């Protein structure tokens, strides 16, 4: 789920895996099947897992309704739409650098300053490319903002930015 897969995607992958195992196409049957083994060593039924997950989500939504301060704090489907909107940006280097400049993380702020200080890249044909995404340290910033500790913050920040610019509704 940290990599952006929904519970339904995981369920579908598991169901596909089970079909492969039952058809004897998988030589090593360990691994993926052990995901759904409970603490007592009994293999869970995929339907039971879905039912337990649905019950947990119902409890979570009831808790949010009871505590309005956390209501609407994180909705996976809404977050997925925001991710898709942010990923539609053609060249989001400027967004990432601005996010890093405003971040609480000192390392990200130093990376942003380094990117701004780097000179534009001169291409082989003699043309000068001043896009931030061409600068060597931008690759490091891109990987840092895609790490799970920064990814959600970046997506929410960039989505809010796109809303203020009128690029998404």
N, C-alpha and C. Protein backbone atom coordinates (compact mmCIF):
# COMPACT_ATOMS: atom_id res chain seq x y z
N UNK A 1 0.83 -1.19 0.00
CA UNK A 1 0.00 0.00 0.00
C UNK A 1 0.87 1.25 0.00
N UNK A 2 2.08 1.15 0.58
CA UNK A 2 2.98 2.30 0.58
C UNK A 2 3.39 2.68 -0.83
N UNK A 3 3.32 1.75 -1.77
CA UNK A 3 3.71 2.01 -3.14
C UNK A 3 2.54 2.45 -3.99
N UNK A 4 1.39 2.74 -3.36
CA UNK A 4 0.26 3.27 -4.10
C UNK A 4 -0.76 2.24 -4.56
N UNK A 5 -0.61 0.98 -4.12
CA UNK A 5 -1.59 -0.05 -4.51
C UNK A 5 -2.77 -0.01 -3.55
N UNK A 6 -3.96 -0.14 -4.08
CA UNK A 6 -5.15 -0.16 -3.23
C UNK A 6 -5.34 -1.57 -2.67
N UNK A 7 -6.16 -1.68 -1.61
CA UNK A 7 -6.46 -3.02 -1.09
C UNK A 7 -7.07 -3.93 -2.16
N UNK A 8 -7.88 -3.36 -3.07
CA UNK A 8 -8.47 -4.16 -4.14
C UNK A 8 -7.41 -4.70 -5.08
N UNK A 9 -6.37 -3.88 -5.37
CA UNK A 9 -5.26 -4.34 -6.21
C UNK A 9 -4.55 -5.53 -5.55
N UNK A 10 -4.33 -5.42 -4.25
CA UNK A 10 -3.65 -6.48 -3.51
C UNK A 10 -4.50 -7.74 -3.50
N UNK A 11 -5.82 -7.56 -3.27
CA UNK A 11 -6.72 -8.72 -3.29
C UNK A 11 -6.72 -9.39 -4.65
N UNK A 12 -6.73 -8.60 -5.72
CA UNK A 12 -6.72 -9.17 -7.07
C UNK A 12 -5.42 -9.92 -7.33
N UNK A 13 -4.30 -9.35 -6.89
CA UNK A 13 -3.00 -10.02 -7.07
C UNK A 13 -2.98 -11.33 -6.31
N UNK A 14 -3.52 -11.32 -5.09
CA UNK A 14 -3.54 -12.54 -4.30
C UNK A 14 -4.43 -13.60 -4.95
N UNK A 15 -5.59 -13.20 -5.43
CA UNK A 15 -6.50 -14.15 -6.09
C UNK A 15 -5.83 -14.76 -7.32
N UNK A 16 -5.14 -13.94 -8.09
CA UNK A 16 -4.42 -14.43 -9.27
C UNK A 16 -3.34 -15.42 -8.85
N UNK A 17 -2.62 -15.10 -7.78
CA UNK A 17 -1.57 -15.98 -7.28
C UNK A 17 -2.16 -17.33 -6.86
N UNK A 18 -3.31 -17.29 -6.15
CA UNK A 18 -3.94 -18.53 -5.71
C UNK A 18 -4.33 -19.40 -6.91
N UNK A 19 -4.85 -18.77 -7.97
CA UNK A 19 -5.20 -19.53 -9.18
C UNK A 19 -3.96 -20.20 -9.77
N UNK A 20 -2.83 -19.49 -9.80
CA UNK A 20 -1.60 -20.06 -10.33
C UNK A 20 -1.13 -21.22 -9.47
N UNK A 21 -1.20 -21.06 -8.14
CA UNK A 21 -0.76 -22.13 -7.24
C UNK A 21 -1.64 -23.36 -7.42
N UNK A 22 -2.95 -23.16 -7.50
CA UNK A 22 -3.87 -24.29 -7.66
C UNK A 22 -3.68 -25.02 -8.99
N UNK A 23 -3.20 -24.31 -10.00
CA UNK A 23 -2.98 -24.95 -11.30
C UNK A 23 -1.57 -25.56 -11.40
N UNK A 24 -0.83 -25.57 -10.28
CA UNK A 24 0.53 -26.13 -10.21
C UNK A 24 1.51 -25.44 -11.15
N UNK A 25 1.31 -24.16 -11.43
CA UNK A 25 2.26 -23.41 -12.25
C UNK A 25 3.37 -22.76 -11.42
N UNK A 26 3.21 -22.75 -10.10
CA UNK A 26 4.22 -22.14 -9.23
C UNK A 26 5.00 -23.25 -8.55
N UNK A 27 6.31 -23.23 -8.72
CA UNK A 27 7.14 -24.28 -8.14
C UNK A 27 7.33 -24.08 -6.64
N UNK A 28 7.64 -22.83 -6.22
CA UNK A 28 7.84 -22.53 -4.81
C UNK A 28 6.58 -21.86 -4.29
N UNK A 29 5.82 -22.59 -3.51
CA UNK A 29 4.51 -22.09 -3.08
C UNK A 29 4.57 -21.29 -1.79
N UNK A 30 5.76 -20.95 -1.32
CA UNK A 30 5.90 -20.11 -0.12
C UNK A 30 5.75 -18.65 -0.55
N UNK A 31 5.90 -17.75 0.38
CA UNK A 31 5.91 -16.33 0.02
C UNK A 31 4.55 -15.70 0.09
N UNK A 32 3.99 -15.41 -1.07
CA UNK A 32 2.75 -14.65 -1.14
C UNK A 32 1.62 -15.30 -0.35
N UNK A 33 1.52 -16.64 -0.39
CA UNK A 33 0.46 -17.32 0.34
C UNK A 33 0.59 -17.11 1.84
N UNK A 34 1.80 -16.90 2.34
CA UNK A 34 2.00 -16.74 3.78
C UNK A 34 1.53 -15.37 4.28
N UNK A 35 1.19 -14.45 3.37
CA UNK A 35 0.61 -13.17 3.80
C UNK A 35 -0.62 -13.38 4.65
N UNK A 36 -1.45 -14.31 4.19
CA UNK A 36 -2.78 -14.44 4.78
C UNK A 36 -2.87 -15.63 5.71
N UNK A 37 -1.80 -15.84 6.49
CA UNK A 37 -1.83 -16.86 7.53
C UNK A 37 -1.93 -16.13 8.85
N UNK A 38 -2.92 -16.52 9.66
CA UNK A 38 -3.11 -15.79 10.91
C UNK A 38 -2.12 -16.25 11.98
N UNK A 39 -2.21 -15.63 13.14
CA UNK A 39 -1.23 -15.89 14.20
C UNK A 39 -1.29 -17.33 14.71
N UNK A 40 -2.41 -18.05 14.49
CA UNK A 40 -2.53 -19.44 14.92
C UNK A 40 -2.03 -20.42 13.87
N UNK A 41 -1.60 -19.93 12.72
CA UNK A 41 -1.08 -20.79 11.68
C UNK A 41 -2.14 -21.30 10.71
N UNK A 42 -3.39 -20.84 10.86
CA UNK A 42 -4.44 -21.27 9.94
C UNK A 42 -4.47 -20.36 8.73
N UNK A 43 -4.63 -20.92 7.57
CA UNK A 43 -4.71 -20.13 6.35
C UNK A 43 -6.07 -19.47 6.27
N UNK A 44 -6.07 -18.20 6.08
CA UNK A 44 -7.31 -17.45 6.01
C UNK A 44 -7.91 -17.53 4.62
N UNK A 45 -9.20 -17.44 4.59
CA UNK A 45 -9.91 -17.37 3.33
C UNK A 45 -9.88 -15.91 2.87
N UNK A 46 -9.68 -15.67 1.59
CA UNK A 46 -9.62 -14.32 1.06
C UNK A 46 -10.90 -13.54 1.38
N UNK A 47 -12.06 -14.22 1.37
CA UNK A 47 -13.33 -13.55 1.68
C UNK A 47 -13.34 -13.08 3.13
N UNK A 48 -12.75 -13.90 4.02
CA UNK A 48 -12.69 -13.51 5.43
C UNK A 48 -11.83 -12.26 5.59
N UNK A 49 -10.73 -12.20 4.87
CA UNK A 49 -9.85 -11.03 4.94
C UNK A 49 -10.59 -9.79 4.48
N UNK A 50 -11.33 -9.90 3.36
CA UNK A 50 -12.10 -8.77 2.87
C UNK A 50 -13.16 -8.33 3.88
N UNK A 51 -13.82 -9.30 4.51
CA UNK A 51 -14.86 -8.98 5.50
C UNK A 51 -14.25 -8.27 6.71
N UNK A 52 -13.09 -8.77 7.19
CA UNK A 52 -12.43 -8.12 8.32
C UNK A 52 -11.98 -6.70 7.97
N UNK A 53 -11.46 -6.53 6.74
CA UNK A 53 -11.02 -5.21 6.30
C UNK A 53 -12.20 -4.25 6.22
N UNK A 54 -13.34 -4.73 5.70
CA UNK A 54 -14.53 -3.89 5.60
C UNK A 54 -15.02 -3.50 6.99
N UNK A 55 -14.98 -4.46 7.95
CA UNK A 55 -15.40 -4.16 9.32
C UNK A 55 -14.48 -3.13 9.95
N UNK A 56 -13.17 -3.24 9.69
CA UNK A 56 -12.21 -2.28 10.24
C UNK A 56 -12.44 -0.89 9.65
N UNK A 57 -12.76 -0.83 8.34
CA UNK A 57 -13.04 0.47 7.72
C UNK A 57 -14.31 1.09 8.29
N UNK A 58 -15.31 0.24 8.57
CA UNK A 58 -16.56 0.75 9.16
C UNK A 58 -16.28 1.33 10.54
N UNK A 59 -15.45 0.61 11.33
CA UNK A 59 -15.10 1.12 12.67
C UNK A 59 -14.34 2.43 12.54
N UNK A 60 -13.43 2.50 11.56
CA UNK A 60 -12.66 3.73 11.36
C UNK A 60 -13.53 4.90 10.95
N UNK A 61 -14.50 4.66 10.07
CA UNK A 61 -15.38 5.76 9.66
C UNK A 61 -16.31 6.17 10.79
N UNK A 62 -16.71 5.20 11.64
CA UNK A 62 -17.54 5.54 12.81
C UNK A 62 -16.73 6.37 13.80
N UNK A 63 -15.44 6.02 13.96
CA UNK A 63 -14.58 6.79 14.86
C UNK A 63 -14.37 8.20 14.34
N UNK A 64 -14.24 8.35 13.02
CA UNK A 64 -14.08 9.69 12.46
C UNK A 64 -15.34 10.52 12.65
N UNK A 65 -16.51 9.87 12.50
CA UNK A 65 -17.76 10.60 12.70
C UNK A 65 -17.90 11.04 14.15
N UNK A 66 -17.41 10.20 15.08
CA UNK A 66 -17.50 10.54 16.50
C UNK A 66 -16.51 11.63 16.88
N UNK A 67 -15.38 11.69 16.18
CA UNK A 67 -14.35 12.69 16.49
C UNK A 67 -14.19 13.60 15.27
N UNK A 68 -14.91 14.71 15.21
CA UNK A 68 -14.88 15.55 14.02
C UNK A 68 -13.53 16.20 13.73
N UNK A 69 -12.63 16.27 14.72
CA UNK A 69 -11.34 16.89 14.46
C UNK A 69 -10.50 16.07 13.50
N UNK A 70 -10.71 14.72 13.48
CA UNK A 70 -9.95 13.88 12.57
C UNK A 70 -10.77 13.48 11.35
N UNK A 71 -12.05 13.85 11.32
CA UNK A 71 -12.90 13.46 10.19
C UNK A 71 -12.36 14.07 8.91
N UNK A 72 -12.26 13.28 7.87
CA UNK A 72 -11.79 13.76 6.59
C UNK A 72 -10.29 13.96 6.51
N UNK A 73 -9.56 13.50 7.53
CA UNK A 73 -8.12 13.71 7.56
C UNK A 73 -7.42 12.94 6.44
N UNK A 74 -7.83 11.67 6.25
CA UNK A 74 -7.20 10.89 5.19
C UNK A 74 -8.21 9.93 4.60
N UNK A 75 -8.48 10.11 3.32
CA UNK A 75 -9.40 9.25 2.59
C UNK A 75 -8.60 8.63 1.45
N UNK A 76 -8.39 7.30 1.45
CA UNK A 76 -7.54 6.68 0.43
C UNK A 76 -7.99 6.96 -1.00
N UNK A 77 -9.29 6.94 -1.27
CA UNK A 77 -9.76 7.17 -2.64
C UNK A 77 -9.51 8.62 -3.05
N UNK A 78 -9.75 9.55 -2.12
CA UNK A 78 -9.49 10.95 -2.40
C UNK A 78 -8.00 11.18 -2.62
N UNK A 79 -7.16 10.52 -1.81
CA UNK A 79 -5.72 10.66 -1.94
C UNK A 79 -5.25 10.12 -3.30
N UNK A 80 -5.86 9.01 -3.74
CA UNK A 80 -5.49 8.45 -5.04
C UNK A 80 -5.80 9.43 -6.17
N UNK A 81 -6.95 10.11 -6.08
CA UNK A 81 -7.31 11.12 -7.10
C UNK A 81 -6.31 12.27 -7.07
N UNK A 82 -5.89 12.66 -5.87
CA UNK A 82 -4.91 13.73 -5.75
C UNK A 82 -3.57 13.31 -6.36
N UNK A 83 -3.18 12.06 -6.13
CA UNK A 83 -1.93 11.55 -6.72
C UNK A 83 -1.99 11.61 -8.24
N UNK A 84 -3.13 11.19 -8.80
CA UNK A 84 -3.28 11.21 -10.25
C UNK A 84 -3.21 12.64 -10.77
N UNK A 85 -3.83 13.58 -10.06
CA UNK A 85 -3.81 14.98 -10.50
C UNK A 85 -2.39 15.53 -10.45
N UNK A 86 -1.65 15.22 -9.39
CA UNK A 86 -0.28 15.71 -9.25
C UNK A 86 0.62 15.08 -10.31
N UNK A 87 0.37 13.81 -10.65
CA UNK A 87 1.19 13.14 -11.66
C UNK A 87 0.91 13.64 -13.06
N UNK A 88 -0.14 14.44 -13.25
CA UNK A 88 -0.45 14.98 -14.57
C UNK A 88 0.40 16.20 -14.90
N UNK A 89 1.15 16.72 -13.93
CA UNK A 89 1.99 17.89 -14.17
C UNK A 89 3.07 17.49 -15.17
N UNK A 90 3.23 18.28 -16.25
CA UNK A 90 4.21 17.93 -17.28
C UNK A 90 5.63 17.91 -16.73
N UNK A 91 6.07 19.03 -16.18
CA UNK A 91 7.41 19.11 -15.62
C UNK A 91 7.27 19.70 -14.23
N UNK A 92 7.23 18.84 -13.24
CA UNK A 92 6.94 19.31 -11.88
C UNK A 92 8.20 19.63 -11.08
N UNK A 93 9.32 19.85 -11.76
CA UNK A 93 10.56 20.17 -11.05
C UNK A 93 10.39 21.42 -10.20
N UNK A 94 9.75 22.43 -10.74
CA UNK A 94 9.56 23.67 -9.98
C UNK A 94 8.71 23.42 -8.73
N UNK A 95 7.68 22.58 -8.87
CA UNK A 95 6.85 22.25 -7.70
C UNK A 95 7.68 21.54 -6.63
N UNK A 96 8.49 20.57 -7.06
CA UNK A 96 9.29 19.83 -6.08
C UNK A 96 10.30 20.73 -5.38
N UNK A 97 10.92 21.62 -6.13
CA UNK A 97 11.91 22.52 -5.52
C UNK A 97 11.22 23.48 -4.55
N UNK A 98 10.07 24.01 -4.94
CA UNK A 98 9.34 24.90 -4.03
C UNK A 98 8.89 24.16 -2.77
N UNK A 99 8.44 22.90 -2.94
CA UNK A 99 8.06 22.09 -1.79
C UNK A 99 9.25 21.91 -0.86
N UNK A 100 10.42 21.60 -1.44
CA UNK A 100 11.62 21.39 -0.64
C UNK A 100 12.04 22.67 0.07
N UNK A 101 11.91 23.81 -0.60
CA UNK A 101 12.28 25.09 0.03
C UNK A 101 11.40 25.41 1.23
N UNK A 102 10.14 24.97 1.20
CA UNK A 102 9.21 25.28 2.29
C UNK A 102 9.12 24.15 3.31
N UNK A 103 9.88 23.08 3.11
CA UNK A 103 9.79 21.90 3.96
C UNK A 103 10.41 22.14 5.34
N UNK A 104 9.98 21.32 6.30
CA UNK A 104 10.59 21.35 7.64
C UNK A 104 11.91 20.57 7.64
N UNK A 105 12.11 19.75 6.63
CA UNK A 105 13.29 18.91 6.55
C UNK A 105 14.48 19.74 6.04
N UNK A 106 15.50 19.85 6.88
CA UNK A 106 16.67 20.68 6.53
C UNK A 106 17.39 20.14 5.30
N UNK A 107 17.45 18.80 5.17
CA UNK A 107 18.13 18.19 4.02
C UNK A 107 17.43 18.59 2.71
N UNK A 108 16.11 18.57 2.70
CA UNK A 108 15.37 18.98 1.50
C UNK A 108 15.63 20.45 1.18
N UNK A 109 15.67 21.30 2.21
CA UNK A 109 15.94 22.73 1.97
C UNK A 109 17.34 22.94 1.39
N UNK A 110 18.33 22.16 1.89
CA UNK A 110 19.69 22.27 1.34
C UNK A 110 19.74 21.80 -0.12
N UNK A 111 19.01 20.72 -0.42
CA UNK A 111 18.96 20.24 -1.81
C UNK A 111 18.35 21.29 -2.73
N UNK A 112 17.26 21.93 -2.27
CA UNK A 112 16.61 22.96 -3.09
C UNK A 112 17.57 24.12 -3.35
N UNK A 113 18.30 24.53 -2.32
CA UNK A 113 19.26 25.63 -2.50
C UNK A 113 20.36 25.23 -3.48
N UNK A 114 20.81 23.98 -3.40
CA UNK A 114 21.85 23.49 -4.31
C UNK A 114 21.34 23.49 -5.76
N UNK A 115 20.11 23.05 -5.95
CA UNK A 115 19.53 23.02 -7.30
C UNK A 115 19.43 24.43 -7.87
N UNK A 116 18.98 25.38 -7.05
CA UNK A 116 18.88 26.78 -7.51
C UNK A 116 20.25 27.35 -7.85
N UNK A 117 21.28 26.93 -7.10
CA UNK A 117 22.62 27.48 -7.30
C UNK A 117 23.33 26.87 -8.52
N UNK A 118 22.92 25.67 -8.93
CA UNK A 118 23.58 25.03 -10.06
C UNK A 118 23.30 25.78 -11.35
N UNK A 119 24.30 25.79 -12.23
CA UNK A 119 24.17 26.49 -13.50
C UNK A 119 23.32 25.68 -14.47
N UNK A 120 22.70 26.34 -15.43
CA UNK A 120 21.96 25.60 -16.47
C UNK A 120 22.88 24.64 -17.21
N UNK A 121 22.31 23.59 -17.76
CA UNK A 121 23.07 22.55 -18.45
C UNK A 121 23.24 22.94 -19.92
N UNK A 122 24.48 22.84 -20.40
CA UNK A 122 24.74 23.06 -21.82
C UNK A 122 24.69 21.71 -22.53
N UNK A 123 23.79 21.60 -23.48
CA UNK A 123 23.61 20.34 -24.19
C UNK A 123 24.69 20.16 -25.26
N UNK A 124 24.77 18.97 -25.83
CA UNK A 124 25.79 18.66 -26.82
C UNK A 124 25.71 19.52 -28.06
N UNK A 125 24.52 20.02 -28.38
CA UNK A 125 24.38 20.85 -29.58
C UNK A 125 24.64 22.34 -29.29
N UNK A 126 25.10 22.62 -28.08
CA UNK A 126 25.43 24.00 -27.72
C UNK A 126 24.27 24.77 -27.11
N UNK A 127 23.06 24.22 -27.16
CA UNK A 127 21.91 24.90 -26.55
C UNK A 127 22.00 24.81 -25.03
N UNK A 128 21.46 25.82 -24.37
CA UNK A 128 21.46 25.85 -22.90
C UNK A 128 20.06 25.50 -22.41
N UNK A 129 19.99 24.51 -21.53
CA UNK A 129 18.71 24.08 -20.96
C UNK A 129 18.68 24.51 -19.49
N UNK A 130 17.82 25.48 -19.18
CA UNK A 130 17.81 26.00 -17.81
C UNK A 130 16.71 25.38 -16.95
N UNK A 131 16.09 24.29 -17.42
CA UNK A 131 15.07 23.63 -16.59
C UNK A 131 15.72 23.02 -15.36
N UNK A 132 15.04 23.14 -14.24
CA UNK A 132 15.58 22.60 -12.99
C UNK A 132 15.71 21.08 -13.04
N UNK A 133 14.85 20.43 -13.81
CA UNK A 133 14.88 18.97 -13.86
C UNK A 133 16.12 18.44 -14.55
N UNK A 134 16.88 19.30 -15.25
CA UNK A 134 18.11 18.86 -15.91
C UNK A 134 19.32 18.94 -14.99
N UNK A 135 19.18 19.55 -13.85
CA UNK A 135 20.33 19.74 -12.95
C UNK A 135 20.60 18.47 -12.16
N UNK A 136 21.87 18.11 -11.99
CA UNK A 136 22.22 16.80 -11.41
C UNK A 136 21.60 16.53 -10.04
N UNK A 137 21.55 17.51 -9.14
CA UNK A 137 21.03 17.25 -7.80
C UNK A 137 19.51 17.11 -7.78
N UNK A 138 18.85 17.46 -8.89
CA UNK A 138 17.39 17.31 -8.93
C UNK A 138 16.98 15.84 -8.84
N UNK A 139 17.80 14.95 -9.38
CA UNK A 139 17.50 13.52 -9.32
C UNK A 139 17.43 13.06 -7.86
N UNK A 140 18.33 13.58 -7.04
CA UNK A 140 18.33 13.24 -5.61
C UNK A 140 17.07 13.79 -4.95
N UNK A 141 16.70 15.04 -5.28
CA UNK A 141 15.48 15.62 -4.71
C UNK A 141 14.26 14.81 -5.13
N UNK A 142 14.21 14.38 -6.38
CA UNK A 142 13.08 13.59 -6.87
C UNK A 142 12.95 12.30 -6.06
N UNK A 143 14.08 11.63 -5.82
CA UNK A 143 14.01 10.37 -5.06
C UNK A 143 13.62 10.64 -3.61
N UNK A 144 14.08 11.76 -3.04
CA UNK A 144 13.73 12.08 -1.65
C UNK A 144 12.24 12.39 -1.51
N UNK A 145 11.68 13.14 -2.46
CA UNK A 145 10.26 13.49 -2.36
C UNK A 145 9.37 12.30 -2.70
N UNK A 146 9.95 11.23 -3.26
CA UNK A 146 9.17 10.02 -3.52
C UNK A 146 9.31 8.99 -2.40
N UNK A 147 10.14 9.26 -1.41
CA UNK A 147 10.22 8.35 -0.27
C UNK A 147 8.95 8.49 0.55
N UNK A 148 8.58 7.43 1.24
CA UNK A 148 7.28 7.43 1.88
C UNK A 148 7.12 8.50 2.96
N UNK A 149 8.22 8.96 3.58
CA UNK A 149 8.06 9.99 4.60
C UNK A 149 7.74 11.36 4.01
N UNK A 150 8.02 11.57 2.71
CA UNK A 150 7.73 12.85 2.09
C UNK A 150 6.65 12.78 1.02
N UNK A 151 6.38 11.61 0.49
CA UNK A 151 5.48 11.48 -0.67
C UNK A 151 4.09 12.06 -0.41
N UNK A 152 3.46 11.65 0.70
CA UNK A 152 2.10 12.13 0.98
C UNK A 152 2.11 13.65 1.17
N UNK A 153 3.10 14.16 1.90
CA UNK A 153 3.17 15.60 2.12
C UNK A 153 3.31 16.34 0.79
N UNK A 154 4.17 15.80 -0.10
CA UNK A 154 4.37 16.44 -1.39
C UNK A 154 3.09 16.42 -2.23
N UNK A 155 2.42 15.27 -2.27
CA UNK A 155 1.19 15.17 -3.08
C UNK A 155 0.14 16.15 -2.57
N UNK A 156 -0.07 16.19 -1.26
CA UNK A 156 -1.09 17.09 -0.71
C UNK A 156 -0.72 18.56 -0.95
N UNK A 157 0.57 18.88 -0.78
CA UNK A 157 1.03 20.25 -1.01
C UNK A 157 0.86 20.64 -2.48
N UNK A 158 1.30 19.76 -3.39
CA UNK A 158 1.22 20.06 -4.83
C UNK A 158 -0.23 20.14 -5.29
N UNK A 159 -1.10 19.28 -4.74
CA UNK A 159 -2.51 19.32 -5.13
C UNK A 159 -3.14 20.65 -4.70
N UNK A 160 -2.83 21.07 -3.48
CA UNK A 160 -3.36 22.36 -3.00
C UNK A 160 -2.84 23.49 -3.88
N UNK A 161 -1.59 23.39 -4.28
CA UNK A 161 -0.98 24.40 -5.16
C UNK A 161 -1.68 24.43 -6.52
N UNK A 162 -1.95 23.24 -7.07
CA UNK A 162 -2.65 23.17 -8.36
C UNK A 162 -4.06 23.73 -8.25
N UNK A 163 -4.71 23.51 -7.11
CA UNK A 163 -6.05 24.06 -6.91
C UNK A 163 -6.03 25.59 -6.90
N UNK A 164 -5.03 26.16 -6.20
CA UNK A 164 -4.96 27.61 -6.14
C UNK A 164 -4.63 28.22 -7.50
N UNK A 165 -3.91 27.46 -8.33
CA UNK A 165 -3.59 27.92 -9.69
C UNK A 165 -4.73 27.66 -10.66
N UNK A 166 -5.76 26.95 -10.21
CA UNK A 166 -6.91 26.67 -11.07
C UNK A 166 -6.69 25.57 -12.09
N UNK A 167 -5.65 24.74 -11.89
CA UNK A 167 -5.36 23.67 -12.84
C UNK A 167 -6.17 22.41 -12.57
N UNK A 168 -6.63 22.24 -11.32
CA UNK A 168 -7.53 21.13 -10.97
C UNK A 168 -8.67 21.70 -10.16
N UNK A 169 -9.76 20.93 -10.13
CA UNK A 169 -10.94 21.39 -9.37
C UNK A 169 -11.04 20.61 -8.10
